[in-house]
Amino acid sequence: MSAKNQRRLQKRNLLGRREFLCTAPLASLSAPLAFRRWNTFHTLTTKPIEMRIDDVSYDYEEFRYRTPYKFAGKEVDRATILNVRCVAHLTNGRSAHGFGSMPMGNVWSFPSQRMSYDKTLGAMKALAERVRNITADFKETGHPIDINVALEPDYLKAADEVSRRLQLEEPIPKLCVLVTASAFDAALHDAFGKVHGLSSYGTYGSDFMTRDLSHYLGPEFKGEHLDQYLLKEPGARLALYHSVGASDAIEDADLGKWMDDGLPETLSGWIRYNGLTHIKIKLAGDDLAWDLDRVVRIDHTASEVQAERRVRTWAYSLDFNERCPNVGYLLEFLRRLKEKTPRGFERIRYIEQPTARDLEKHRENTMHEAAKLRPVVIDESLTGLDRLILARELGYTGVALKACKGQSQALLMAAAAQKYKMFRCVQDLTCPGASLLHSVGLAARVPGVTAVEANARQYMPIANKPWEQKFPGIFLVKDGMMRTADLNGPGLGAVT
């Protein structure tokens, strides 16, 4: 072991690690082993199937959006994709390459009224360099989830250091750290599956993981393993959730200028083009009249087009991107929407986080009454088990799982959500290419998930072009359904 790694181990043995999934004592769980001192990582005998990291590298791709995507009061017109490659080997000497990819998503993960787009993106890039070095320097063996558990405290510390060094007006938040690290985590999971000649989803049982779920999620999970909360094979089909951004055209009259690039430019056009049956509606959250009119108009247009197509059943999800000032706004919105369009109201499947992401600061925003009407899912706030427990206390009844928060965390949160009988959905971060395959693959393995958001095809279709022929069932949708049965190749299945 290098002198550097010895110093890191000594430091952790003296000081202990910050929690990975919890940052405060939980009301109903004693502290899981994963949250305790670093030396617990080494208490069990190394297995020959455990992995050691040899090398980590990364690069970026830049894309301009075909049309701006408006959410949370801001329009996004570009994306930076972080691509990560790693080389790792087992203790028996067998090695493999892993690949992970994810949009940086700084507008969503690091929102700021005081810093520009370029400044928050620059901070994420600076953090990505630190995450790469931390990950590459880690020379202990383990399962990718255990490696992520061990490294996340260092990622968070690095974020604090980057924030100070760059003199940021606001520190890098934990959500942003998760997004920045997610492609690195994905590459490790991908390599681990490939080195064993299996789908990564075949490596989450007791034959590959030394510890049971109680180590990560608490004593309620004693004797249980992740594979008990995942489908043995990917589901055959998932409905495609189409996103209607707050500035997207619903009908032709909404368009000022046509792009004429061969793709639809209105909601009605997209419904016909992709055979859509699931529509995600971005709302303002600070303009009740506008929000009501938006949903009523969308329901009217969808009803006309679906009647033409002889489709009788379709669904909506509502996303306020935490912009509602309080839960009273949401309750009034739902009451008035039901009055204006009873059938439209019935088509709502769930509501994504309507109020501020800082749950601790805004405990007054309890969702108990709203959740009696429709599942209310935690999204931006879901950065660990402690936030999930708090969200349940505040009345949230569902979770939005996202690959962009890391494969390791998404899987653990999926298990916890099932244990607590919470509604589950999978959303993306305008994920193209390999990142979309990662997101869809996750959705296809989590029981109860029947649809998945995929909006890069709308906003940066050029990034999907190289993938269309290899995975037509995911990237070329004509009947509103993604074909997911074949997402069982080695690793995460995107890059062989």
Protein backbone atom coordinates (compact mmCIF):
# COMPACT_ATOMS: atom_id res chain seq x y z
CA MET A 1 0.00 0.00 0.00
CA SER A 2 1.31 3.46 -0.85
CA ALA A 3 2.35 5.86 1.88
CA LYS A 4 -0.45 8.19 0.75
CA ASN A 5 -3.11 5.51 1.20
CA GLN A 6 -1.63 4.51 4.56
CA ARG A 7 -1.99 8.11 5.74
CA ARG A 8 -5.59 8.20 4.48
CA LEU A 9 -6.41 4.98 6.36
CA GLN A 10 -4.76 6.21 9.54
CA LYS A 11 -6.66 9.48 9.34
CA ARG A 12 -9.98 7.71 8.88
CA ASN A 13 -9.29 5.25 11.70
CA LEU A 14 -8.66 8.20 14.03
CA LEU A 15 -11.44 10.49 12.91
CA GLY A 16 -14.06 8.15 11.43
CA ARG A 17 -15.99 8.80 8.24
CA ARG A 18 -18.81 11.20 7.65
CA GLU A 19 -22.00 9.44 6.89
CA PHE A 20 -22.73 8.34 3.34
CA LEU A 21 -26.50 8.09 3.35
CA CYS A 22 -27.26 9.76 6.68
CA THR A 23 -25.96 12.99 8.13
CA ALA A 24 -28.01 12.91 11.33
CA PRO A 25 -29.41 10.22 13.65
CA LEU A 26 -32.53 8.63 12.22
CA ALA A 27 -35.80 8.52 14.08
CA SER A 28 -36.46 4.84 13.36
CA LEU A 29 -33.03 3.37 12.55
CA SER A 30 -29.85 2.95 14.55
CA ALA A 31 -26.76 3.98 12.59
CA PRO A 32 -26.01 1.38 9.89
CA LEU A 33 -22.51 -0.06 9.89
CA ALA A 34 -21.65 1.79 6.70
CA PHE A 35 -21.88 5.06 8.63
CA ARG A 36 -19.37 4.03 11.28
CA ARG A 37 -15.62 4.17 11.46
CA TRP A 38 -13.49 3.56 8.38
CA ASN A 39 -11.87 0.44 9.84
CA THR A 40 -15.21 -1.41 9.62
CA PHE A 41 -14.64 -1.42 5.86
CA HIS A 42 -11.78 -3.87 6.44
CA THR A 43 -13.23 -6.16 9.09
CA LEU A 44 -14.30 -8.86 6.62
CA THR A 45 -12.03 -11.12 4.62
CA THR A 46 -11.31 -9.96 1.08
CA LYS A 47 -13.09 -12.10 -1.51
CA PRO A 48 -11.44 -13.10 -4.80
CA ILE A 49 -14.41 -11.52 -6.58
CA GLU A 50 -13.70 -8.04 -5.16
CA MET A 51 -12.35 -5.31 -7.43
CA ARG A 52 -9.41 -2.93 -7.28
CA ILE A 53 -9.20 0.26 -9.37
CA ASP A 54 -6.20 0.57 -11.71
CA ASP A 55 -6.91 3.76 -13.64
CA VAL A 56 -9.58 6.42 -14.11
CA SER A 57 -9.86 8.99 -16.90
CA TYR A 58 -12.53 11.34 -18.14
CA ASP A 59 -13.47 13.77 -20.88
CA TYR A 60 -16.36 16.02 -21.85
CA GLU A 61 -18.79 16.41 -24.74
CA GLU A 62 -20.62 19.66 -25.36
CA PHE A 63 -24.05 19.90 -26.99
CA ARG A 64 -26.38 22.76 -27.84
CA TYR A 65 -30.07 22.09 -27.37
CA ARG A 66 -32.29 21.95 -30.39
CA THR A 67 -34.71 24.16 -28.48
CA PRO A 68 -34.48 25.56 -24.94
CA TYR A 69 -35.88 23.54 -22.05
CA LYS A 70 -37.56 25.69 -19.40
CA PHE A 71 -37.98 24.44 -15.86
CA ALA A 72 -37.66 25.97 -12.39
CA GLY A 73 -38.03 29.41 -13.95
CA LYS A 74 -34.93 29.07 -16.14
CA GLU A 75 -34.28 28.11 -19.73
CA VAL A 76 -31.44 25.67 -20.46
CA ASP A 77 -30.01 25.60 -23.98
CA ARG A 78 -26.89 23.44 -23.67
CA ALA A 79 -25.41 20.42 -21.93
CA THR A 80 -21.98 19.23 -20.87
CA ILE A 81 -21.68 15.45 -20.72
CA LEU A 82 -19.06 13.91 -18.44
CA ASN A 83 -17.71 10.60 -19.77
CA VAL A 84 -15.64 8.43 -17.43
CA ARG A 85 -13.51 5.39 -18.22
CA CYS A 86 -11.88 3.12 -15.71
CA VAL A 87 -9.73 0.00 -15.65
CA ALA A 88 -10.10 -2.38 -12.74
CA HIS A 89 -9.10 -5.91 -11.85
CA LEU A 90 -10.15 -8.67 -9.49
CA THR A 91 -7.81 -10.11 -6.89
CA ASN A 92 -7.49 -13.17 -9.14
CA GLY A 93 -5.95 -10.92 -11.83
CA ARG A 94 -8.83 -10.70 -14.31
CA SER A 95 -9.42 -7.11 -15.51
CA ALA A 96 -12.01 -5.08 -17.40
CA HIS A 97 -12.74 -1.58 -18.65
CA GLY A 98 -15.76 0.35 -17.37
CA PHE A 99 -17.63 3.31 -18.80
CA GLY A 100 -20.00 5.83 -17.25
CA SER A 101 -21.63 8.94 -18.67
CA MET A 102 -23.88 11.65 -17.25
CA PRO A 103 -24.88 15.26 -18.00
CA MET A 104 -23.44 17.72 -15.49
CA GLY A 105 -26.88 19.29 -14.99
CA ASN A 106 -25.62 22.29 -13.06
CA VAL A 107 -28.85 24.31 -13.42
CA TRP A 108 -30.74 21.53 -11.61
CA SER A 109 -28.10 20.27 -9.18
CA PHE A 110 -26.45 23.62 -8.35
CA PRO A 111 -29.11 26.33 -8.78
CA SER A 112 -27.93 29.81 -7.91
CA GLN A 113 -29.28 33.33 -8.12
CA ARG A 114 -25.81 34.74 -7.48
CA MET A 115 -23.60 32.75 -9.85
CA SER A 116 -23.69 32.34 -13.63
CA TYR A 117 -24.17 29.12 -15.56
CA ASP A 118 -20.49 29.10 -16.49
CA LYS A 119 -19.38 29.58 -12.89
CA THR A 120 -21.40 26.69 -11.46
CA LEU A 121 -20.36 24.48 -14.38
CA GLY A 122 -16.73 25.46 -13.82
CA ALA A 123 -17.06 24.48 -10.17
CA MET A 124 -18.44 21.09 -11.16
CA LYS A 125 -15.56 20.55 -13.57
CA ALA A 126 -13.06 21.44 -10.86
CA LEU A 127 -14.79 18.98 -8.56
CA ALA A 128 -14.78 16.29 -11.27
CA GLU A 129 -10.99 16.53 -11.41
CA ARG A 130 -10.81 16.02 -7.66
CA VAL A 131 -13.27 13.12 -7.80
CA ARG A 132 -11.18 11.50 -10.50
CA ASN A 133 -8.01 11.76 -8.41
CA ILE A 134 -9.69 10.51 -5.24
CA THR A 135 -11.19 7.55 -7.07
CA ALA A 136 -7.97 6.64 -8.91
CA ASP A 137 -5.96 6.84 -5.67
CA PHE A 138 -8.23 4.38 -3.88
CA LYS A 139 -6.36 1.05 -3.92
CA GLU A 140 -8.41 -1.09 -1.56
CA THR A 141 -10.55 -3.91 -2.92
CA GLY A 142 -14.32 -4.02 -2.73
CA HIS A 143 -17.68 -4.06 -4.42
CA PRO A 144 -18.55 -0.81 -6.27
CA ILE A 145 -21.18 0.06 -3.67
CA ASP A 146 -18.66 -0.35 -0.84
CA ILE A 147 -16.13 1.72 -2.77
CA ASN A 148 -18.72 4.46 -3.21
CA VAL A 149 -19.59 4.33 0.49
CA ALA A 150 -15.91 4.67 1.35
CA LEU A 151 -15.20 7.51 -1.06
CA GLU A 152 -18.25 9.75 -0.76
CA PRO A 153 -16.99 11.50 2.41
CA ASP A 154 -13.84 12.43 0.47
CA TYR A 155 -15.96 13.68 -2.44
CA LEU A 156 -17.91 15.91 -0.06
CA LYS A 157 -14.74 17.20 1.54
CA ALA A 158 -13.30 17.93 -1.91
CA ALA A 159 -16.46 19.91 -2.78
CA ASP A 160 -15.94 22.07 0.31
CA GLU A 161 -12.31 22.64 -0.65
CA VAL A 162 -13.20 23.55 -4.25
CA SER A 163 -15.86 25.97 -3.00
CA ARG A 164 -13.29 27.74 -0.83
CA ARG A 165 -10.53 27.74 -3.44
CA LEU A 166 -12.80 29.20 -6.13
CA GLN A 167 -14.33 31.59 -3.60
CA LEU A 168 -17.83 30.60 -4.65
CA GLU A 169 -20.66 32.78 -3.43
CA GLU A 170 -22.48 29.59 -2.44
CA PRO A 171 -20.88 26.23 -1.57
CA ILE A 172 -21.32 23.21 -3.82
CA PRO A 173 -24.36 21.35 -2.44
CA LYS A 174 -24.49 17.61 -1.82
CA LEU A 175 -26.87 17.02 -4.73
CA CYS A 176 -24.29 18.54 -7.06
CA VAL A 177 -21.57 16.30 -5.57
CA LEU A 178 -23.71 13.24 -6.27
CA VAL A 179 -24.30 14.30 -9.86
CA THR A 180 -20.61 15.03 -10.44
CA ALA A 181 -19.57 11.67 -9.00
CA SER A 182 -22.31 9.64 -10.70
CA ALA A 183 -20.42 8.91 -13.93
CA PHE A 184 -17.43 7.66 -11.90
CA ASP A 185 -19.71 5.41 -9.85
CA ALA A 186 -21.34 4.13 -13.05
CA ALA A 187 -17.97 3.28 -14.58
CA LEU A 188 -17.07 1.16 -11.54
CA HIS A 189 -20.38 -0.72 -11.64
CA ASP A 190 -19.92 -1.23 -15.38
CA ALA A 191 -16.40 -2.61 -14.92
CA PHE A 192 -17.47 -4.89 -12.07
CA GLY A 193 -20.20 -6.46 -14.17
CA LYS A 194 -17.92 -6.87 -17.17
CA VAL A 195 -15.05 -8.40 -15.25
CA HIS A 196 -17.49 -11.09 -14.08
CA GLY A 197 -19.11 -11.45 -17.50
CA LEU A 198 -22.48 -10.40 -16.10
CA SER A 199 -24.96 -7.59 -16.17
CA SER A 200 -24.17 -5.28 -13.27
CA TYR A 201 -27.61 -6.18 -11.94
CA GLY A 202 -26.41 -9.76 -11.53
CA THR A 203 -23.78 -8.65 -9.01
CA TYR A 204 -25.94 -7.33 -6.18
CA GLY A 205 -26.53 -10.58 -4.28
CA SER A 206 -24.72 -12.27 -1.40
CA ASP A 207 -22.40 -14.11 -3.78
CA PHE A 208 -20.85 -10.75 -4.78
CA MET A 209 -21.55 -8.47 -1.81
CA THR A 210 -19.90 -9.23 1.52
CA ARG A 211 -22.40 -7.24 3.56
CA ASP A 212 -26.15 -7.35 3.75
CA LEU A 213 -28.35 -4.26 3.45
CA SER A 214 -28.33 -3.60 7.19
CA HIS A 215 -24.77 -2.31 6.73
CA TYR A 216 -26.10 0.50 4.52
CA LEU A 217 -29.74 0.97 5.54
CA GLY A 218 -30.06 -0.16 9.15
CA PRO A 219 -31.21 -3.17 11.18
CA GLU A 220 -34.61 -3.44 9.48
CA PHE A 221 -32.70 -4.83 6.49
CA LYS A 222 -30.70 -7.47 8.36
CA GLY A 223 -30.20 -10.60 6.27
CA GLU A 224 -31.49 -8.92 3.11
CA HIS A 225 -29.53 -8.16 -0.06
CA LEU A 226 -30.06 -5.76 -2.94
CA ASP A 227 -30.98 -8.45 -5.42
CA GLN A 228 -34.12 -9.13 -3.39
CA TYR A 229 -35.33 -5.65 -4.36
CA LEU A 230 -34.49 -5.91 -8.05
CA LEU A 231 -36.01 -7.83 -10.94
CA LYS A 232 -33.97 -10.85 -12.02
CA GLU A 233 -34.36 -9.77 -15.65
CA PRO A 234 -35.24 -6.35 -17.06
CA GLY A 235 -38.90 -5.76 -17.69
CA ALA A 236 -39.88 -6.14 -21.34
CA ARG A 237 -41.30 -2.65 -21.84
CA LEU A 238 -41.49 0.75 -20.20
CA ALA A 239 -43.74 3.64 -21.17
CA LEU A 240 -41.88 6.72 -22.37
CA TYR A 241 -42.52 9.89 -20.39
CA HIS A 242 -42.37 12.94 -22.67
CA SER A 243 -41.54 16.24 -20.97
CA VAL A 244 -43.42 19.43 -21.78
CA GLY A 245 -41.12 22.26 -20.73
CA ALA A 246 -42.67 25.48 -19.47
CA SER A 247 -41.94 27.23 -22.77
CA ASP A 248 -42.66 24.29 -25.10
CA ALA A 249 -45.32 24.73 -27.77
CA ILE A 250 -48.53 22.80 -27.27
CA GLU A 251 -50.15 23.61 -30.63
CA ASP A 252 -49.05 25.25 -33.89
CA ALA A 253 -50.38 28.63 -32.75
CA ASP A 254 -47.77 28.66 -29.95
CA LEU A 255 -44.88 28.67 -32.40
CA GLY A 256 -43.30 31.91 -33.47
CA LYS A 257 -40.92 30.32 -35.94
CA TRP A 258 -40.73 26.79 -37.30
CA MET A 259 -37.41 24.95 -37.24
CA ASP A 260 -38.40 22.51 -40.00
CA ASP A 261 -35.71 20.01 -38.97
CA GLY A 262 -37.85 16.91 -39.44
CA LEU A 263 -38.80 16.51 -35.77
CA PRO A 264 -42.03 17.57 -34.07
CA GLU A 265 -42.22 21.06 -32.66
CA THR A 266 -45.47 20.86 -30.67
CA LEU A 267 -46.93 18.49 -28.09
CA SER A 268 -49.58 17.35 -30.54
CA GLY A 269 -46.85 16.54 -33.04
CA TRP A 270 -44.81 14.57 -30.50
CA ILE A 271 -47.83 12.53 -29.43
CA ARG A 272 -48.35 11.40 -33.00
CA TYR A 273 -44.63 10.96 -33.72
CA ASN A 274 -43.80 8.78 -30.69
CA GLY A 275 -47.26 7.39 -29.96
CA LEU A 276 -47.09 8.96 -26.51
CA THR A 277 -49.25 7.87 -23.60
CA HIS A 278 -47.28 9.50 -20.73
CA ILE A 279 -46.68 13.25 -20.45
CA LYS A 280 -44.66 15.08 -17.80
CA ILE A 281 -45.79 18.69 -17.36
CA LYS A 282 -43.36 21.34 -16.10
CA LEU A 283 -45.18 24.03 -14.13
CA ALA A 284 -44.28 27.45 -12.77
CA GLY A 285 -45.24 26.98 -9.14
CA ASP A 286 -45.58 30.74 -8.60
CA ASP A 287 -48.47 31.57 -10.95
CA LEU A 288 -51.61 29.62 -10.14
CA ALA A 289 -53.63 30.87 -13.10
CA TRP A 290 -50.83 30.02 -15.54
CA ASP A 291 -50.32 26.56 -14.07
CA LEU A 292 -54.03 25.77 -14.27
CA ASP A 293 -54.32 27.03 -17.83
CA ARG A 294 -51.23 25.08 -18.86
CA VAL A 295 -52.55 21.75 -17.63
CA VAL A 296 -56.05 22.38 -18.99
CA ARG A 297 -54.64 23.25 -22.43
CA ILE A 298 -52.36 20.22 -22.47
CA ASP A 299 -55.23 17.95 -21.46
CA HIS A 300 -57.46 19.43 -24.16
CA THR A 301 -54.83 18.93 -26.86
CA ALA A 302 -53.91 15.44 -25.67
CA SER A 303 -57.59 14.45 -25.60
CA GLU A 304 -58.10 15.55 -29.21
CA VAL A 305 -55.01 13.76 -30.51
CA GLN A 306 -55.61 10.59 -28.51
CA ALA A 307 -59.18 10.48 -29.81
CA GLU A 308 -57.78 10.58 -33.35
CA ARG A 309 -55.47 7.72 -32.43
CA ARG A 310 -58.29 5.84 -30.67
CA VAL A 311 -56.27 5.78 -27.45
CA ARG A 312 -58.42 5.78 -24.35
CA THR A 313 -55.85 5.74 -21.55
CA TRP A 314 -52.94 8.08 -20.97
CA ALA A 315 -51.23 9.66 -17.99
CA TYR A 316 -49.64 12.85 -16.66
CA SER A 317 -47.08 13.66 -14.02
CA LEU A 318 -46.73 17.19 -12.66
CA ASP A 319 -43.38 18.76 -11.84
CA PHE A 320 -43.20 22.10 -10.04
CA ASN A 321 -39.42 21.83 -9.52
CA GLU A 322 -39.89 22.91 -5.87
CA ARG A 323 -41.29 26.32 -6.92
CA CYS A 324 -44.57 26.26 -4.98
CA PRO A 325 -44.32 28.75 -2.10
CA ASN A 326 -46.13 26.37 0.24
CA VAL A 327 -48.29 23.26 0.26
CA GLY A 328 -51.41 25.44 0.28
CA TYR A 329 -50.60 26.47 -3.28
CA LEU A 330 -50.49 22.83 -4.35
CA LEU A 331 -53.76 21.95 -2.61
CA GLU A 332 -55.54 24.91 -4.18
CA PHE A 333 -54.12 24.03 -7.58
CA LEU A 334 -55.35 20.44 -7.32
CA ARG A 335 -58.80 21.53 -6.10
CA ARG A 336 -59.31 23.99 -8.93
CA LEU A 337 -57.83 21.66 -11.54
CA LYS A 338 -60.32 18.96 -10.57
CA GLU A 339 -63.11 21.47 -11.05
CA LYS A 340 -61.87 22.59 -14.46
CA THR A 341 -61.02 19.18 -15.90
CA PRO A 342 -62.13 16.19 -13.82
CA ARG A 343 -60.82 13.72 -16.39
CA GLY A 344 -57.53 15.55 -16.66
CA PHE A 345 -57.20 15.38 -12.89
CA GLU A 346 -57.81 11.64 -12.94
CA ARG A 347 -54.97 11.20 -15.42
CA ILE A 348 -52.38 12.53 -12.94
CA ARG A 349 -50.22 9.66 -11.70
CA TYR A 350 -47.93 11.55 -9.34
CA ILE A 351 -46.53 14.96 -8.39
CA GLU A 352 -42.79 15.66 -8.16
CA GLN A 353 -41.38 17.68 -5.31
CA PRO A 354 -43.62 20.78 -5.23
CA THR A 355 -41.86 22.83 -2.53
CA ALA A 356 -38.31 23.78 -1.48
CA ARG A 357 -35.63 21.09 -1.46
CA ASP A 358 -34.39 22.03 2.01
CA LEU A 359 -36.85 19.90 3.97
CA GLU A 360 -35.28 20.63 7.35
CA LYS A 361 -35.64 24.37 6.84
CA HIS A 362 -39.22 24.09 5.59
CA ARG A 363 -40.83 21.53 7.86
CA GLU A 364 -44.09 23.46 7.61
CA ASN A 365 -44.56 22.08 4.09
CA THR A 366 -46.11 18.76 5.01
CA MET A 367 -47.59 16.72 2.15
CA HIS A 368 -50.04 14.53 4.08
CA GLU A 369 -53.20 16.11 2.60
CA ALA A 370 -51.81 16.35 -0.94
CA ALA A 371 -50.60 12.74 -0.81
CA LYS A 372 -54.15 11.60 -0.12
CA LEU A 373 -54.99 12.81 -3.62
CA ARG A 374 -51.92 11.63 -5.53
CA PRO A 375 -48.46 10.29 -4.66
CA VAL A 376 -46.07 13.15 -3.89
CA VAL A 377 -42.49 12.13 -4.62
CA ILE A 378 -39.24 13.48 -3.21
CA ASP A 379 -36.78 14.45 -5.95
CA GLU A 380 -34.28 17.28 -5.45
CA SER A 381 -34.21 16.59 -1.70
CA LEU A 382 -33.34 12.90 -2.04
CA THR A 383 -29.61 12.90 -1.32
CA GLY A 384 -29.49 10.13 1.27
CA LEU A 385 -31.41 7.89 3.62
CA ASP A 386 -31.81 10.64 6.21
CA ARG A 387 -33.65 12.79 3.66
CA LEU A 388 -35.87 9.86 2.70
CA ILE A 389 -36.81 9.28 6.34
CA LEU A 390 -37.51 12.98 6.86
CA ALA A 391 -39.58 13.15 3.67
CA ARG A 392 -41.76 10.28 4.90
CA GLU A 393 -42.22 12.11 8.19
CA LEU A 394 -43.36 15.18 6.24
CA GLY A 395 -45.91 13.21 4.23
CA TYR A 396 -44.09 12.37 0.99
CA THR A 397 -45.25 9.00 -0.32
CA GLY A 398 -42.90 8.39 -3.25
CA VAL A 399 -39.35 8.70 -4.53
CA ALA A 400 -37.90 9.81 -7.84
CA LEU A 401 -34.91 7.58 -8.51
CA LYS A 402 -32.23 9.01 -10.77
CA ALA A 403 -29.08 7.50 -12.22
CA CYS A 404 -27.56 10.98 -12.07
CA LYS A 405 -27.34 10.66 -8.27
CA GLY A 406 -25.22 7.54 -8.65
CA GLN A 407 -26.01 3.90 -9.33
CA SER A 408 -25.05 2.99 -5.76
CA GLN A 409 -27.41 5.46 -4.13
CA ALA A 410 -30.25 4.83 -6.59
CA LEU A 411 -30.18 1.12 -5.79
CA LEU A 412 -30.10 1.62 -2.03
CA MET A 413 -32.90 4.18 -2.17
CA ALA A 414 -34.94 1.81 -4.36
CA ALA A 415 -34.61 -0.88 -1.70
CA ALA A 416 -35.55 1.51 1.11
CA ALA A 417 -38.53 2.84 -0.84
CA GLN A 418 -39.84 -0.68 -1.37
CA LYS A 419 -39.38 -1.59 2.29
CA TYR A 420 -41.39 1.51 3.24
CA LYS A 421 -44.02 0.83 0.54
CA MET A 422 -43.40 4.12 -1.27
CA PHE A 423 -44.34 4.91 -4.85
CA ARG A 424 -41.35 4.66 -7.21
CA CYS A 425 -40.56 6.41 -10.48
CA VAL A 426 -37.40 6.98 -12.51
CA GLN A 427 -36.62 10.40 -13.98
CA ASP A 428 -33.69 11.55 -16.10
CA LEU A 429 -31.53 14.66 -16.41
CA THR A 430 -31.96 15.13 -20.18
CA CYS A 431 -29.76 12.06 -20.49
CA PRO A 432 -28.56 11.12 -23.98
CA GLY A 433 -26.76 8.03 -25.24
CA ALA A 434 -25.07 5.88 -22.59
CA SER A 435 -26.56 7.90 -19.74
CA LEU A 436 -30.07 7.24 -21.06
CA LEU A 437 -29.35 3.51 -21.32
CA HIS A 438 -28.12 3.64 -17.73
CA SER A 439 -31.29 5.41 -16.58
CA VAL A 440 -33.64 3.15 -18.53
CA GLY A 441 -31.75 0.06 -17.36
CA LEU A 442 -32.31 1.16 -13.77
CA ALA A 443 -36.01 1.71 -14.39
CA ALA A 444 -36.33 -1.71 -16.01
CA ARG A 445 -34.98 -3.41 -12.87
CA VAL A 446 -36.90 -1.64 -10.11
CA PRO A 447 -40.21 -3.37 -9.31
CA GLY A 448 -43.24 -1.12 -9.66
CA VAL A 449 -41.68 1.28 -12.16
CA THR A 450 -43.77 1.26 -15.34
CA ALA A 451 -42.53 4.37 -17.16
CA VAL A 452 -39.33 6.38 -17.54
CA GLU A 453 -38.62 9.93 -18.59
CA ALA A 454 -36.39 10.39 -21.65
CA ASN A 455 -36.30 13.94 -22.99
CA ALA A 456 -32.88 14.20 -24.68
CA ARG A 457 -34.64 13.02 -27.87
CA GLN A 458 -36.55 16.34 -27.72
CA TYR A 459 -33.80 18.77 -26.76
CA MET A 460 -30.51 17.30 -28.03
CA PRO A 461 -31.39 14.51 -30.46
CA ILE A 462 -27.99 14.84 -32.12
CA ALA A 463 -26.42 13.25 -29.02
CA ASN A 464 -28.64 10.19 -29.47
CA LYS A 465 -27.91 9.66 -33.17
CA PRO A 466 -24.90 7.32 -32.74
CA TRP A 467 -26.99 5.05 -30.51
CA GLU A 468 -30.16 4.65 -32.57
CA GLN A 469 -29.13 1.68 -34.67
CA LYS A 470 -27.55 -0.26 -31.81
CA PHE A 471 -30.50 0.24 -29.44
CA PRO A 472 -33.54 1.02 -31.63
CA GLY A 473 -35.95 -0.16 -28.93
CA ILE A 474 -34.77 2.68 -26.69
CA PHE A 475 -33.98 5.47 -29.15
CA LEU A 476 -36.59 4.92 -31.89
CA VAL A 477 -39.98 4.84 -30.17
CA LYS A 478 -43.17 4.81 -32.22
CA ASP A 479 -45.84 3.35 -29.92
CA GLY A 480 -45.01 5.15 -26.69
CA MET A 481 -43.09 2.17 -25.33
CA MET A 482 -39.37 1.48 -24.88
CA ARG A 483 -38.24 -2.11 -25.45
CA THR A 484 -36.03 -2.95 -22.47
CA ALA A 485 -35.78 -6.75 -22.43
CA ASP A 486 -32.37 -6.66 -24.11
CA LEU A 487 -30.79 -4.37 -21.51
CA ASN A 488 -29.00 -7.29 -19.91
CA GLY A 489 -25.57 -7.17 -21.54
CA PRO A 490 -22.31 -7.13 -19.58
CA GLY A 491 -21.93 -4.28 -17.10
CA LEU A 492 -24.47 -1.51 -17.47
CA GLY A 493 -24.93 -2.62 -21.07
CA ALA A 494 -24.13 0.57 -22.98
CA VAL A 495 -20.50 0.13 -24.09
CA THR A 496 -19.01 -3.32 -24.68
